[in-house]
Every structure is written in C-alpha cells, then in structure tokens.
Amino acid sequence: MRTATLCLTFVLFPAAAFSFEASQIDSFVEEVVERHGLDRQWVQEILDAAERKQSILNAISRPAEKTRPWHEYRALFINDRRINDGVVFWQEHSESLAQVSSECGIPAEIIVAILGIETHYGSRAGNFRIIDALSTLAFEYPPRSDFFRGELEQFLLLTREHSIDPLQALGSYAGAMGAAQFISSSYRRYAVDGSGDGKIDLWHDWRDVIGSVAYYLHSFGWRPNEPVRESISVDAETAAEFIGEKLELRHNASDLRNSNIQLDEKTTNEMPVLVFALENNDGTEYWVGYKNFYVITRYNRSTMYAMAVLDLGRAISEKVQQK
C-alpha cells in the first residue's frame, strides 16, 4: 500500500457493486458526519465503493488461536525460517531497536517477535482492502458489528489525518494495517513518528513501526526487568481454582503460594498473576503469566499468542548473540 495525498471533497471513486443494507449505511453516514464534521459526499462515496467479501466472514470465524491446540499453533511461528528471518531483521534494524528498547524499556526480542508473528517482518501485511474488511464486518457480522462500526469510523478519520487513500489501503481480514497490524483506533492512538519526518507510516517506515510497537506495549504498562511467565507444577484441580474465563490478572503471587504452588524466589507476593493451561503433545501444562505477559496479550487476546511471541523472541535473541 502506498500513501497518497487525498482531496477530501472532490476526489471521485470508482463504482462498485454494493450489497449492504442501505438503511445501515445511511445511519452510519449520518452519525459520522454529525460527530466529526466530515464531508458527507466523501463518506458516502467511500462506502459506495466498499464490497462485501464472504472470504472475510469465513476468515474471522476460524482464527488459529481458536482452532489449533498449542503445539500446532506454536509450530506455525517457531520454525527455522521465521527465526532466521528474525535474525536478519534484527541485524538490519539494530540501531532503531536498541534506541527504542532503551527509551521504552521493551526488549528488542519482544518487538522483533511480534513483527515476526504478525506479518513475517512486513512481508505478509494482508491483501484485503481495509474498507472492504471493516464494512463487511461492521454491517454483516452481528457478533461484533458495534466494534467494527467503531473501527470503520476510526478508519475514515485515520485516512483524513494521514492522507491515506481509503480505497487503496490494504491489511488483514479484520482491518489491521501495516507491518505492526494496528487496527484503526490503535493506529490513531499509539502509532508514533519514530523517524521524525513528520509522518506516521506503518507500511514502509520501519522506525515508525518499531517505535509504535514499543509505545503500544509501554502504554499498557510494561514493567522493565520484571518476570514475564513461569511454568508451574500443579494438579488440575488446584489449577482450575485460578484459571478464569476471562484473560485477566485475577490473583497475586501470594494466592498461589498459599495453595502450595511454587514460584521463582524473585517473584514478590504482591505481583499480579494469571494462570493458564496449554495442551501439548504429551498432555496439559500449566503456566503463570505476570504483568508483562498480560501486556503482550493486549496485542492479541490469546495466551497462545503471548507464548509464541516469547518463544520466538528467545530463539531469535539466542541466535543473534551467537553471531
């Protein structure tokens, strides 16, 4: 995707088959125009050019985190190719990674691993038009229509603020953009101008990308030099007392110790924790995630995602140190 200057009032868009319910579109247009003072014709023409994509609805119904056990999910990301490509990426961007890590306290290996999992270091940033993805999910996916209507609104504001062509921007089936795969609201809130050139480009400017990932994690409360995760030895019955339905820091380390769960001696009793289970080839394993683990799950609400980030980051870091 290439950014381009956009004339908000006079730009003309190509016609396209439009299959969304007209009343939903009209209501949405009225809301965003009134709320943000956008040009009505501009908004209407963008939505008129949007296309419903069944492939998007199919994709959102089967995310890897919900359809694969941990050992299969892990193999998707922790493999020689992704590790080796991560080493090359780290070496190419070592200066930016070092600077950002120093300023924000986010380990370089975490930033690199997130980019490796999200888009294989920018090579797989998505081929869906963002306008198609967000419109399809906003108007054709009832389980999360409110969320995606909000993201569609944010996308319109984003394209206006950053001179992005709303009909050319490409990303994931869920509307995530660029190498960092930020959704529109995150792009507007957390993306930073890491290169200092007066623009924020998460497709092409790696200093912006690296800085934005770091700032995102920093904003959610990453704690430098604190633990991230720890495997624990516990029976299923005891573990079940601590595993909640929601991904949240429900307990403190002292709660686990009071149930005779052994934790690293460096873990202080007041540290917030979450307990989770993973299905491996040889059975169930149990883990504790600390505040920093929880922060990684703010990028993707999945314990398997956070585990993959940590495993990939460690593998890449070990190989970088061997060079």
C-alpha atoms as a PDB file:
ATOM      1  CA  MET A   1       0.000   0.000   0.000  1.00  0.00           C
ATOM      2  CA  ARG A   2       1.317   3.453  -0.888  1.00  0.00           C
ATOM      3  CA  THR A   3       0.143   6.553   0.918  1.00  0.00           C
ATOM      4  CA  ALA A   4      -1.178   9.347  -1.253  1.00  0.00           C
ATOM      5  CA  THR A   5      -2.500  12.866  -0.764  1.00  0.00           C
ATOM      6  CA  LEU A   6      -6.289  12.841  -0.638  1.00  0.00           C
ATOM      7  CA  CYS A   7      -8.609  15.658  -1.700  1.00  0.00           C
ATOM      8  CA  LEU A   8     -11.432  15.230   0.757  1.00  0.00           C
ATOM      9  CA  THR A   9     -14.192  16.981  -1.169  1.00  0.00           C
ATOM     10  CA  PHE A  10     -13.575  16.451  -4.859  1.00  0.00           C
ATOM     11  CA  VAL A  11     -11.987  13.019  -5.143  1.00  0.00           C
ATOM     12  CA  LEU A  12     -14.010  10.613  -7.280  1.00  0.00           C
ATOM     13  CA  PHE A  13     -14.178   6.892  -6.545  1.00  0.00           C
ATOM     14  CA  PRO A  14     -14.843   4.038  -8.946  1.00  0.00           C
ATOM     15  CA  ALA A  15     -18.280   2.473  -8.799  1.00  0.00           C
ATOM     16  CA  ALA A  16     -18.605  -0.996  -7.288  1.00  0.00           C
ATOM     17  CA  ALA A  17     -21.328  -3.499  -6.552  1.00  0.00           C
ATOM     18  CA  PHE A  18     -22.697  -2.687  -3.108  1.00  0.00           C
ATOM     19  CA  SER A  19     -24.585  -5.327  -1.184  1.00  0.00           C
ATOM     20  CA  PHE A  20     -25.009  -3.813   2.262  1.00  0.00           C
ATOM     21  CA  GLU A  21     -28.387  -2.781   3.600  1.00  0.00           C
ATOM     22  CA  ALA A  22     -28.985   0.827   2.626  1.00  0.00           C
ATOM     23  CA  SER A  23     -30.559   1.819   5.932  1.00  0.00           C
ATOM     24  CA  GLN A  24     -27.442   0.732   7.847  1.00  0.00           C
ATOM     25  CA  ILE A  25     -25.210   2.740   5.553  1.00  0.00           C
ATOM     26  CA  ASP A  26     -27.410   5.825   5.744  1.00  0.00           C
ATOM     27  CA  SER A  27     -27.477   5.649   9.530  1.00  0.00           C
ATOM     28  CA  PHE A  28     -23.717   5.247   9.731  1.00  0.00           C
ATOM     29  CA  VAL A  29     -23.076   8.151   7.364  1.00  0.00           C
ATOM     30  CA  GLU A  30     -25.359  10.420   9.382  1.00  0.00           C
ATOM     31  CA  GLU A  31     -23.610   9.503  12.622  1.00  0.00           C
ATOM     32  CA  VAL A  32     -20.030  10.051  11.495  1.00  0.00           C
ATOM     33  CA  VAL A  33     -20.787  13.222   9.543  1.00  0.00           C
ATOM     34  CA  GLU A  34     -22.540  14.760  12.520  1.00  0.00           C
ATOM     35  CA  ARG A  35     -19.921  13.614  15.032  1.00  0.00           C
ATOM     36  CA  HIS A  36     -16.814  14.655  13.137  1.00  0.00           C
ATOM     37  CA  GLY A  37     -17.883  17.198  10.560  1.00  0.00           C
ATOM     38  CA  LEU A  38     -16.758  15.010   7.669  1.00  0.00           C
ATOM     39  CA  ASP A  39     -17.771  15.797   4.128  1.00  0.00           C
ATOM     40  CA  ARG A  40     -20.969  13.832   3.514  1.00  0.00           C
ATOM     41  CA  GLN A  41     -20.286  13.148  -0.163  1.00  0.00           C
ATOM     42  CA  TRP A  42     -16.766  11.934   0.649  1.00  0.00           C
ATOM     43  CA  VAL A  43     -18.009   9.458   3.252  1.00  0.00           C
ATOM     44  CA  GLN A  44     -20.869   8.253   1.049  1.00  0.00           C
ATOM     45  CA  GLU A  45     -18.656   7.668  -1.971  1.00  0.00           C
ATOM     46  CA  ILE A  46     -16.140   5.681   0.078  1.00  0.00           C
ATOM     47  CA  LEU A  47     -18.877   3.422   1.415  1.00  0.00           C
ATOM     48  CA  ASP A  48     -20.458   3.116  -2.031  1.00  0.00           C
ATOM     49  CA  ALA A  49     -17.149   1.710  -3.231  1.00  0.00           C
ATOM     50  CA  ALA A  50     -16.918  -0.873  -0.450  1.00  0.00           C
ATOM     51  CA  GLU A  51     -17.576  -4.519  -1.297  1.00  0.00           C
ATOM     52  CA  ARG A  52     -18.948  -7.310   0.826  1.00  0.00           C
ATOM     53  CA  LYS A  53     -16.437 -10.173   0.989  1.00  0.00           C
ATOM     54  CA  GLN A  54     -17.559 -13.632   2.049  1.00  0.00           C
ATOM     55  CA  SER A  55     -13.901 -14.617   2.422  1.00  0.00           C
ATOM     56  CA  ILE A  56     -13.630 -12.079   5.239  1.00  0.00           C
ATOM     57  CA  LEU A  57     -16.602 -13.568   7.078  1.00  0.00           C
ATOM     58  CA  ASN A  58     -15.129 -17.036   6.605  1.00  0.00           C
ATOM     59  CA  ALA A  59     -11.725 -15.987   7.923  1.00  0.00           C
ATOM     60  CA  ILE A  60     -12.970 -14.335  11.094  1.00  0.00           C
ATOM     61  CA  SER A  61     -14.852 -17.481  12.049  1.00  0.00           C
ATOM     62  CA  ARG A  62     -11.693 -19.596  12.259  1.00  0.00           C
ATOM     63  CA  PRO A  63      -8.749 -17.748  13.869  1.00  0.00           C
ATOM     64  CA  ALA A  64      -5.773 -20.010  14.542  1.00  0.00           C
ATOM     65  CA  GLU A  65      -5.889 -19.368  18.294  1.00  0.00           C
ATOM     66  CA  LYS A  66      -9.338 -20.970  18.494  1.00  0.00           C
ATOM     67  CA  THR A  67      -8.943 -23.838  16.052  1.00  0.00           C
ATOM     68  CA  ARG A  68      -5.496 -25.273  16.898  1.00  0.00           C
ATOM     69  CA  PRO A  69      -4.005 -26.777  20.053  1.00  0.00           C
ATOM     70  CA  TRP A  70      -0.897 -25.109  21.444  1.00  0.00           C
ATOM     71  CA  HIS A  71       1.668 -27.459  19.937  1.00  0.00           C
ATOM     72  CA  GLU A  72       0.243 -26.912  16.419  1.00  0.00           C
ATOM     73  CA  TYR A  73      -0.133 -23.166  16.893  1.00  0.00           C
ATOM     74  CA  ARG A  74       3.450 -22.891  18.148  1.00  0.00           C
ATOM     75  CA  ALA A  75       4.814 -24.728  15.107  1.00  0.00           C
ATOM     76  CA  LEU A  76       3.287 -22.080  12.831  1.00  0.00           C
ATOM     77  CA  PHE A  77       5.652 -19.438  14.214  1.00  0.00           C
ATOM     78  CA  ILE A  78       8.620 -21.033  15.929  1.00  0.00           C
ATOM     79  CA  ASN A  79      10.473 -22.555  12.997  1.00  0.00           C
ATOM     80  CA  ASP A  80      13.850 -22.118  11.316  1.00  0.00           C
ATOM     81  CA  ARG A  81      12.647 -19.756   8.613  1.00  0.00           C
ATOM     82  CA  ARG A  82      10.943 -17.306  10.930  1.00  0.00           C
ATOM     83  CA  ILE A  83      13.826 -17.437  13.392  1.00  0.00           C
ATOM     84  CA  ASN A  84      16.461 -16.864  10.705  1.00  0.00           C
ATOM     85  CA  ASP A  85      14.482 -14.065   9.097  1.00  0.00           C
ATOM     86  CA  GLY A  86      14.105 -12.527  12.547  1.00  0.00           C
ATOM     87  CA  VAL A  87      17.870 -12.541  13.000  1.00  0.00           C
ATOM     88  CA  VAL A  88      18.296 -10.751   9.667  1.00  0.00           C
ATOM     89  CA  PHE A  89      15.621  -8.208  10.605  1.00  0.00           C
ATOM     90  CA  TRP A  90      17.263  -7.547  13.971  1.00  0.00           C
ATOM     91  CA  GLN A  91      20.648  -7.005  12.357  1.00  0.00           C
ATOM     92  CA  GLU A  92      19.207  -4.651   9.743  1.00  0.00           C
ATOM     93  CA  HIS A  93      17.379  -2.560  12.331  1.00  0.00           C
ATOM     94  CA  SER A  94      19.689  -2.962  15.316  1.00  0.00           C
ATOM     95  CA  GLU A  95      20.150   0.771  15.832  1.00  0.00           C
ATOM     96  CA  SER A  96      16.428   1.543  15.955  1.00  0.00           C
ATOM     97  CA  LEU A  97      15.724  -1.464  18.152  1.00  0.00           C
ATOM     98  CA  ALA A  98      18.457  -0.500  20.610  1.00  0.00           C
ATOM     99  CA  GLN A  99      17.256   3.093  20.813  1.00  0.00           C
ATOM    100  CA  VAL A 100      13.610   2.193  21.328  1.00  0.00           C
ATOM    101  CA  SER A 101      14.438  -0.514  23.856  1.00  0.00           C
ATOM    102  CA  SER A 102      16.469   1.965  25.855  1.00  0.00           C
ATOM    103  CA  GLU A 103      13.765   4.634  25.773  1.00  0.00           C
ATOM    104  CA  CYS A 104      10.708   2.453  26.436  1.00  0.00           C
ATOM    105  CA  GLY A 105      12.200  -0.477  28.294  1.00  0.00           C
ATOM    106  CA  ILE A 106      10.753  -3.015  25.858  1.00  0.00           C
ATOM    107  CA  PRO A 107      13.215  -5.819  24.995  1.00  0.00           C
ATOM    108  CA  ALA A 108      14.188  -5.838  21.335  1.00  0.00           C
ATOM    109  CA  GLU A 109      13.376  -9.541  21.104  1.00  0.00           C
ATOM    110  CA  ILE A 110       9.733  -8.857  22.008  1.00  0.00           C
ATOM    111  CA  ILE A 111       9.382  -6.197  19.317  1.00  0.00           C
ATOM    112  CA  VAL A 112      11.033  -8.392  16.680  1.00  0.00           C
ATOM    113  CA  ALA A 113       8.956 -11.436  17.605  1.00  0.00           C
ATOM    114  CA  ILE A 114       5.679  -9.511  17.428  1.00  0.00           C
ATOM    115  CA  LEU A 115       6.566  -8.298  13.943  1.00  0.00           C
ATOM    116  CA  GLY A 116       7.584 -11.822  13.007  1.00  0.00           C
ATOM    117  CA  ILE A 117       4.284 -13.309  14.097  1.00  0.00           C
ATOM    118  CA  GLU A 118       2.068 -10.501  12.858  1.00  0.00           C
ATOM    119  CA  THR A 119       3.398 -10.141   9.311  1.00  0.00           C
ATOM    120  CA  HIS A 120       6.632 -12.150   8.993  1.00  0.00           C
ATOM    121  CA  TYR A 121       8.606  -8.893   9.278  1.00  0.00           C
ATOM    122  CA  GLY A 122       6.353  -6.960   6.930  1.00  0.00           C
ATOM    123  CA  SER A 123       6.168  -9.476   4.093  1.00  0.00           C
ATOM    124  CA  ARG A 124       2.601 -10.585   4.866  1.00  0.00           C
ATOM    125  CA  ALA A 125       0.721  -7.484   5.873  1.00  0.00           C
ATOM    126  CA  GLY A 126      -2.534  -8.555   4.214  1.00  0.00           C
ATOM    127  CA  ASN A 127      -4.186  -8.213   0.811  1.00  0.00           C
ATOM    128  CA  PHE A 128      -7.711  -7.205   1.808  1.00  0.00           C
ATOM    129  CA  ARG A 129      -8.815  -3.639   1.234  1.00  0.00           C
ATOM    130  CA  ILE A 130      -9.373  -2.173   4.685  1.00  0.00           C
ATOM    131  CA  ILE A 131     -12.614  -0.545   3.563  1.00  0.00           C
ATOM    132  CA  ASP A 132     -13.973  -3.921   2.443  1.00  0.00           C
ATOM    133  CA  ALA A 133     -12.889  -5.669   5.628  1.00  0.00           C
ATOM    134  CA  LEU A 134     -14.315  -3.109   8.019  1.00  0.00           C
ATOM    135  CA  SER A 135     -17.542  -2.577   6.057  1.00  0.00           C
ATOM    136  CA  THR A 136     -18.174  -6.305   5.760  1.00  0.00           C
ATOM    137  CA  LEU A 137     -17.655  -6.860   9.468  1.00  0.00           C
ATOM    138  CA  ALA A 138     -19.474  -3.706  10.521  1.00  0.00           C
ATOM    139  CA  PHE A 139     -22.640  -4.487   8.576  1.00  0.00           C
ATOM    140  CA  GLU A 140     -22.558  -8.261   8.010  1.00  0.00           C
ATOM    141  CA  TYR A 141     -21.066  -9.715  11.195  1.00  0.00           C
ATOM    142  CA  PRO A 142     -23.577  -9.264  14.058  1.00  0.00           C
ATOM    143  CA  PRO A 143     -21.416 -10.781  16.832  1.00  0.00           C
ATOM    144  CA  ARG A 144     -19.033  -7.808  16.679  1.00  0.00           C
ATOM    145  CA  SER A 145     -20.780  -5.291  14.475  1.00  0.00           C
ATOM    146  CA  ASP A 146     -20.599  -2.494  17.057  1.00  0.00           C
ATOM    147  CA  PHE A 147     -16.844  -2.910  17.410  1.00  0.00           C
ATOM    148  CA  PHE A 148     -16.225  -2.877  13.668  1.00  0.00           C
ATOM    149  CA  ARG A 149     -18.566   0.063  13.088  1.00  0.00           C
ATOM    150  CA  GLY A 150     -16.347   1.913  15.531  1.00  0.00           C
ATOM    151  CA  GLU A 151     -13.224   0.830  13.671  1.00  0.00           C
ATOM    152  CA  LEU A 152     -14.754   1.854  10.348  1.00  0.00           C
ATOM    153  CA  GLU A 153     -15.394   5.295  11.815  1.00  0.00           C
ATOM    154  CA  GLN A 154     -11.826   5.437  13.100  1.00  0.00           C
ATOM    155  CA  PHE A 155     -10.530   4.385   9.686  1.00  0.00           C
ATOM    156  CA  LEU A 156     -12.250   7.306   7.998  1.00  0.00           C
ATOM    157  CA  LEU A 157     -10.673   9.691  10.492  1.00  0.00           C
ATOM    158  CA  LEU A 158      -7.297   7.997  10.088  1.00  0.00           C
ATOM    159  CA  THR A 159      -7.265   8.331   6.319  1.00  0.00           C
ATOM    160  CA  ARG A 160      -8.136  12.009   6.593  1.00  0.00           C
ATOM    161  CA  GLU A 161      -5.464  12.721   9.216  1.00  0.00           C
ATOM    162  CA  HIS A 162      -2.655  10.826   7.497  1.00  0.00           C
ATOM    163  CA  SER A 163      -3.511  11.395   3.833  1.00  0.00           C
ATOM    164  CA  ILE A 164      -4.097   7.694   3.199  1.00  0.00           C
ATOM    165  CA  ASP A 165      -6.133   6.640   0.186  1.00  0.00           C
ATOM    166  CA  PRO A 166      -9.135   4.864   1.793  1.00  0.00           C
ATOM    167  CA  LEU A 167      -9.670   2.649  -1.250  1.00  0.00           C
ATOM    168  CA  GLN A 168      -6.066   1.522  -1.624  1.00  0.00           C
ATOM    169  CA  ALA A 169      -5.052   0.765   1.969  1.00  0.00           C
ATOM    170  CA  LEU A 170      -4.536  -2.982   2.397  1.00  0.00           C
ATOM    171  CA  GLY A 171      -4.449  -5.132   5.502  1.00  0.00           C
ATOM    172  CA  SER A 172      -5.851  -8.174   7.241  1.00  0.00           C
ATOM    173  CA  TYR A 173      -9.364  -9.607   7.045  1.00  0.00           C
ATOM    174  CA  ALA A 174     -10.078  -7.844  10.363  1.00  0.00           C
ATOM    175  CA  GLY A 175      -8.848  -4.456   9.160  1.00  0.00           C
ATOM    176  CA  ALA A 176      -5.397  -4.490  10.784  1.00  0.00           C
ATOM    177  CA  MET A 177      -2.801  -2.449   8.925  1.00  0.00           C
ATOM    178  CA  GLY A 178       0.878  -2.318   8.160  1.00  0.00           C
ATOM    179  CA  ALA A 179       3.781  -4.369   9.434  1.00  0.00           C
ATOM    180  CA  ALA A 180       2.590  -3.877  13.009  1.00  0.00           C
ATOM    181  CA  GLN A 181      -1.018  -4.810  12.188  1.00  0.00           C
ATOM    182  CA  PHE A 182      -2.610  -1.929  14.073  1.00  0.00           C
ATOM    183  CA  ILE A 183      -6.365  -1.550  13.860  1.00  0.00           C
ATOM    184  CA  SER A 184      -7.551   1.954  13.074  1.00  0.00           C
ATOM    185  CA  SER A 185      -8.162   3.063  16.664  1.00  0.00           C
ATOM    186  CA  SER A 186      -4.735   1.791  17.738  1.00  0.00           C
ATOM    187  CA  TYR A 187      -3.088   3.484  14.761  1.00  0.00           C
ATOM    188  CA  ARG A 188      -4.586   6.812  15.814  1.00  0.00           C
ATOM    189  CA  ARG A 189      -3.783   6.339  19.500  1.00  0.00           C
ATOM    190  CA  TYR A 190      -0.449   4.527  19.634  1.00  0.00           C
ATOM    191  CA  ALA A 191       1.371   4.931  16.310  1.00  0.00           C
ATOM    192  CA  VAL A 192       4.382   7.249  16.575  1.00  0.00           C
ATOM    193  CA  ASP A 193       6.662   9.121  14.207  1.00  0.00           C
ATOM    194  CA  GLY A 194       9.816   7.202  15.037  1.00  0.00           C
ATOM    195  CA  SER A 195      11.767   8.624  12.107  1.00  0.00           C
ATOM    196  CA  GLY A 196      10.908  12.231  12.922  1.00  0.00           C
ATOM    197  CA  ASP A 197       9.897  13.057   9.353  1.00  0.00           C
ATOM    198  CA  GLY A 198       6.516  14.500  10.312  1.00  0.00           C
ATOM    199  CA  LYS A 199       4.571  11.454   9.062  1.00  0.00           C
ATOM    200  CA  ILE A 200       3.495   8.126  10.525  1.00  0.00           C
ATOM    201  CA  ASP A 201       3.727   5.257   8.057  1.00  0.00           C
ATOM    202  CA  LEU A 202       3.307   1.738   9.423  1.00  0.00           C
ATOM    203  CA  TRP A 203       3.641   0.175   5.973  1.00  0.00           C
ATOM    204  CA  HIS A 204       7.068   1.392   4.905  1.00  0.00           C
ATOM    205  CA  ASP A 205       8.896   3.287   7.663  1.00  0.00           C
ATOM    206  CA  TRP A 206      10.497   0.748   9.982  1.00  0.00           C
ATOM    207  CA  ARG A 207      11.448   3.357  12.550  1.00  0.00           C
ATOM    208  CA  ASP A 208       7.774   4.253  12.844  1.00  0.00           C
ATOM    209  CA  VAL A 209       6.829   0.573  13.034  1.00  0.00           C
ATOM    210  CA  ILE A 210       9.360  -0.348  15.708  1.00  0.00           C
ATOM    211  CA  GLY A 211       8.614   2.753  17.758  1.00  0.00           C
ATOM    212  CA  SER A 212       4.874   2.167  17.547  1.00  0.00           C
ATOM    213  CA  VAL A 213       5.057  -1.446  18.749  1.00  0.00           C
ATOM    214  CA  ALA A 214       7.223  -0.366  21.672  1.00  0.00           C
ATOM    215  CA  TYR A 215       4.977   2.546  22.574  1.00  0.00           C
ATOM    216  CA  TYR A 216       1.918   0.297  22.439  1.00  0.00           C
ATOM    217  CA  LEU A 217       3.399  -2.139  24.956  1.00  0.00           C
ATOM    218  CA  HIS A 218       4.726   0.703  27.093  1.00  0.00           C
ATOM    219  CA  SER A 219       1.276   2.312  27.173  1.00  0.00           C
ATOM    220  CA  PHE A 220      -0.262  -0.868  28.539  1.00  0.00           C
ATOM    221  CA  GLY A 221       2.181  -0.907  31.430  1.00  0.00           C
ATOM    222  CA  TRP A 222       5.217  -2.995  30.511  1.00  0.00           C
ATOM    223  CA  ARG A 223       7.492  -3.255  33.551  1.00  0.00           C
ATOM    224  CA  PRO A 224      11.205  -3.395  32.658  1.00  0.00           C
ATOM    225  CA  ASN A 225      13.266  -6.083  34.362  1.00  0.00           C
ATOM    226  CA  GLU A 226      10.232  -7.883  35.796  1.00  0.00           C
ATOM    227  CA  PRO A 227       9.363 -11.531  35.027  1.00  0.00           C
ATOM    228  CA  VAL A 228       7.023 -12.393  32.190  1.00  0.00           C
ATOM    229  CA  ARG A 229       5.985 -16.036  32.630  1.00  0.00           C
ATOM    230  CA  GLU A 230       6.820 -19.175  34.547  1.00  0.00           C
ATOM    231  CA  SER A 231       5.841 -22.823  34.216  1.00  0.00           C
ATOM    232  CA  ILE A 232       4.342 -24.329  37.353  1.00  0.00           C
ATOM    233  CA  SER A 233       3.824 -27.802  38.739  1.00  0.00           C
ATOM    234  CA  VAL A 234       0.225 -28.108  39.894  1.00  0.00           C
ATOM    235  CA  ASP A 235      -2.615 -30.604  39.749  1.00  0.00           C
ATOM    236  CA  ALA A 236      -5.594 -29.912  37.509  1.00  0.00           C
ATOM    237  CA  GLU A 237      -7.996 -29.383  40.409  1.00  0.00           C
ATOM    238  CA  THR A 238      -5.869 -26.710  42.056  1.00  0.00           C
ATOM    239  CA  ALA A 239      -5.116 -25.018  38.736  1.00  0.00           C
ATOM    240  CA  ALA A 240      -8.828 -24.821  37.973  1.00  0.00           C
ATOM    241  CA  GLU A 241      -9.312 -22.636  41.051  1.00  0.00           C
ATOM    242  CA  PHE A 242      -7.112 -19.955  39.476  1.00  0.00           C
ATOM    243  CA  ILE A 243      -7.961 -20.194  35.766  1.00  0.00           C
ATOM    244  CA  GLY A 244     -10.701 -17.736  34.868  1.00  0.00           C
ATOM    245  CA  GLU A 245     -12.962 -17.469  31.842  1.00  0.00           C
ATOM    246  CA  LYS A 246     -11.529 -14.043  31.026  1.00  0.00           C
ATOM    247  CA  LEU A 247      -7.894 -13.227  30.345  1.00  0.00           C
ATOM    248  CA  GLU A 248      -7.123 -11.045  33.347  1.00  0.00           C
ATOM    249  CA  LEU A 249      -4.775 -10.697  36.302  1.00  0.00           C
ATOM    250  CA  ARG A 250      -7.180 -12.112  38.874  1.00  0.00           C
ATOM    251  CA  HIS A 251      -4.741 -13.086  41.627  1.00  0.00           C
ATOM    252  CA  ASN A 252      -1.482 -12.185  43.308  1.00  0.00           C
ATOM    253  CA  ALA A 253       1.550 -14.405  43.668  1.00  0.00           C
ATOM    254  CA  SER A 254       0.754 -14.820  47.362  1.00  0.00           C
ATOM    255  CA  ASP A 255      -2.551 -16.509  46.472  1.00  0.00           C
ATOM    256  CA  LEU A 256      -0.686 -19.173  44.539  1.00  0.00           C
ATOM    257  CA  ARG A 257       1.900 -19.672  47.246  1.00  0.00           C
ATOM    258  CA  ASN A 258      -0.882 -20.089  49.798  1.00  0.00           C
ATOM    259  CA  SER A 259      -2.068 -23.024  47.661  1.00  0.00           C
ATOM    260  CA  ASN A 260       1.428 -24.552  47.730  1.00  0.00           C
ATOM    261  CA  ILE A 261       2.248 -23.552  44.155  1.00  0.00           C
ATOM    262  CA  GLN A 262       5.977 -22.952  43.938  1.00  0.00           C
ATOM    263  CA  LEU A 263       7.105 -19.755  42.201  1.00  0.00           C
ATOM    264  CA  ASP A 264      10.515 -18.314  41.479  1.00  0.00           C
ATOM    265  CA  GLU A 265      12.037 -16.805  44.610  1.00  0.00           C
ATOM    266  CA  LYS A 266      12.450 -13.466  42.791  1.00  0.00           C
ATOM    267  CA  THR A 267       8.659 -13.211  42.443  1.00  0.00           C
ATOM    268  CA  THR A 268       7.290 -10.923  45.142  1.00  0.00           C
ATOM    269  CA  ASN A 269       3.976 -11.784  46.760  1.00  0.00           C
ATOM    270  CA  GLU A 270       2.180  -8.667  45.546  1.00  0.00           C
ATOM    271  CA  MET A 271       2.866  -9.315  41.860  1.00  0.00           C
ATOM    272  CA  PRO A 272      -0.411  -9.769  39.932  1.00  0.00           C
ATOM    273  CA  VAL A 273      -0.674 -13.059  38.063  1.00  0.00           C
ATOM    274  CA  LEU A 274      -2.871 -15.105  35.779  1.00  0.00           C
ATOM    275  CA  VAL A 275      -2.860 -18.891  35.460  1.00  0.00           C
ATOM    276  CA  PHE A 276      -3.495 -20.697  32.195  1.00  0.00           C
ATOM    277  CA  ALA A 277      -3.288 -24.151  30.657  1.00  0.00           C
ATOM    278  CA  LEU A 278      -1.853 -25.268  27.323  1.00  0.00           C
ATOM    279  CA  GLU A 279      -2.426 -28.548  25.533  1.00  0.00           C
ATOM    280  CA  ASN A 280       0.832 -30.085  24.388  1.00  0.00           C
ATOM    281  CA  ASN A 281       1.635 -33.355  22.667  1.00  0.00           C
ATOM    282  CA  ASP A 282       2.194 -35.102  25.961  1.00  0.00           C
ATOM    283  CA  GLY A 283      -0.673 -33.567  27.930  1.00  0.00           C
ATOM    284  CA  THR A 284      -1.645 -30.381  29.739  1.00  0.00           C
ATOM    285  CA  GLU A 285       0.932 -27.936  31.049  1.00  0.00           C
ATOM    286  CA  TYR A 286       0.254 -25.037  33.394  1.00  0.00           C
ATOM    287  CA  TRP A 287       1.788 -21.592  33.390  1.00  0.00           C
ATOM    288  CA  VAL A 288       1.757 -18.351  35.326  1.00  0.00           C
ATOM    289  CA  GLY A 289       1.732 -15.092  33.428  1.00  0.00           C
ATOM    290  CA  TYR A 290       2.849 -11.889  35.130  1.00  0.00           C
ATOM    291  CA  LYS A 291       2.022  -8.280  34.294  1.00  0.00           C
ATOM    292  CA  ASN A 292       4.328  -8.226  31.259  1.00  0.00           C
ATOM    293  CA  PHE A 293       2.717 -11.396  29.901  1.00  0.00           C
ATOM    294  CA  TYR A 294      -0.667  -9.721  30.239  1.00  0.00           C
ATOM    295  CA  VAL A 295       0.675  -6.674  28.372  1.00  0.00           C
ATOM    296  CA  ILE A 296       1.617  -8.852  25.386  1.00  0.00           C
ATOM    297  CA  THR A 297      -1.946 -10.226  25.323  1.00  0.00           C
ATOM    298  CA  ARG A 298      -3.202  -6.667  24.804  1.00  0.00           C
ATOM    299  CA  TYR A 299      -1.741  -7.003  21.305  1.00  0.00           C
ATOM    300  CA  ASN A 300      -3.725 -10.199  20.744  1.00  0.00           C
ATOM    301  CA  ARG A 301      -6.114 -11.528  23.404  1.00  0.00           C
ATOM    302  CA  SER A 302      -4.613 -15.008  23.494  1.00  0.00           C
ATOM    303  CA  THR A 303      -2.257 -16.780  25.882  1.00  0.00           C
ATOM    304  CA  MET A 304      -1.000 -18.873  22.955  1.00  0.00           C
ATOM    305  CA  TYR A 305      -0.112 -15.684  21.071  1.00  0.00           C
ATOM    306  CA  ALA A 306       1.871 -14.317  24.011  1.00  0.00           C
ATOM    307  CA  MET A 307       3.644 -17.653  24.471  1.00  0.00           C
ATOM    308  CA  ALA A 308       4.574 -17.723  20.776  1.00  0.00           C
ATOM    309  CA  VAL A 309       5.944 -14.181  20.989  1.00  0.00           C
ATOM    310  CA  LEU A 310       8.126 -15.133  23.942  1.00  0.00           C
ATOM    311  CA  ASP A 311       9.360 -18.395  22.428  1.00  0.00           C
ATOM    312  CA  LEU A 312      10.136 -16.818  19.062  1.00  0.00           C
ATOM    313  CA  GLY A 313      11.815 -13.822  20.659  1.00  0.00           C
ATOM    314  CA  ARG A 314      14.024 -16.017  22.804  1.00  0.00           C
ATOM    315  CA  ALA A 315      15.040 -18.174  19.837  1.00  0.00           C
ATOM    316  CA  ILE A 316      15.912 -15.128  17.738  1.00  0.00           C
ATOM    317  CA  SER A 317      17.823 -13.457  20.571  1.00  0.00           C
ATOM    318  CA  GLU A 318      19.916 -16.557  21.239  1.00  0.00           C
ATOM    319  CA  LYS A 319      20.887 -16.743  17.580  1.00  0.00           C
ATOM    320  CA  VAL A 320      21.695 -13.015  17.391  1.00  0.00           C
ATOM    321  CA  GLN A 321      24.008 -13.367  20.398  1.00  0.00           C
ATOM    322  CA  GLN A 322      25.839 -16.226  18.666  1.00  0.00           C
ATOM    323  CA  LYS A 323      26.676 -14.059  15.647  1.00  0.00           C
END
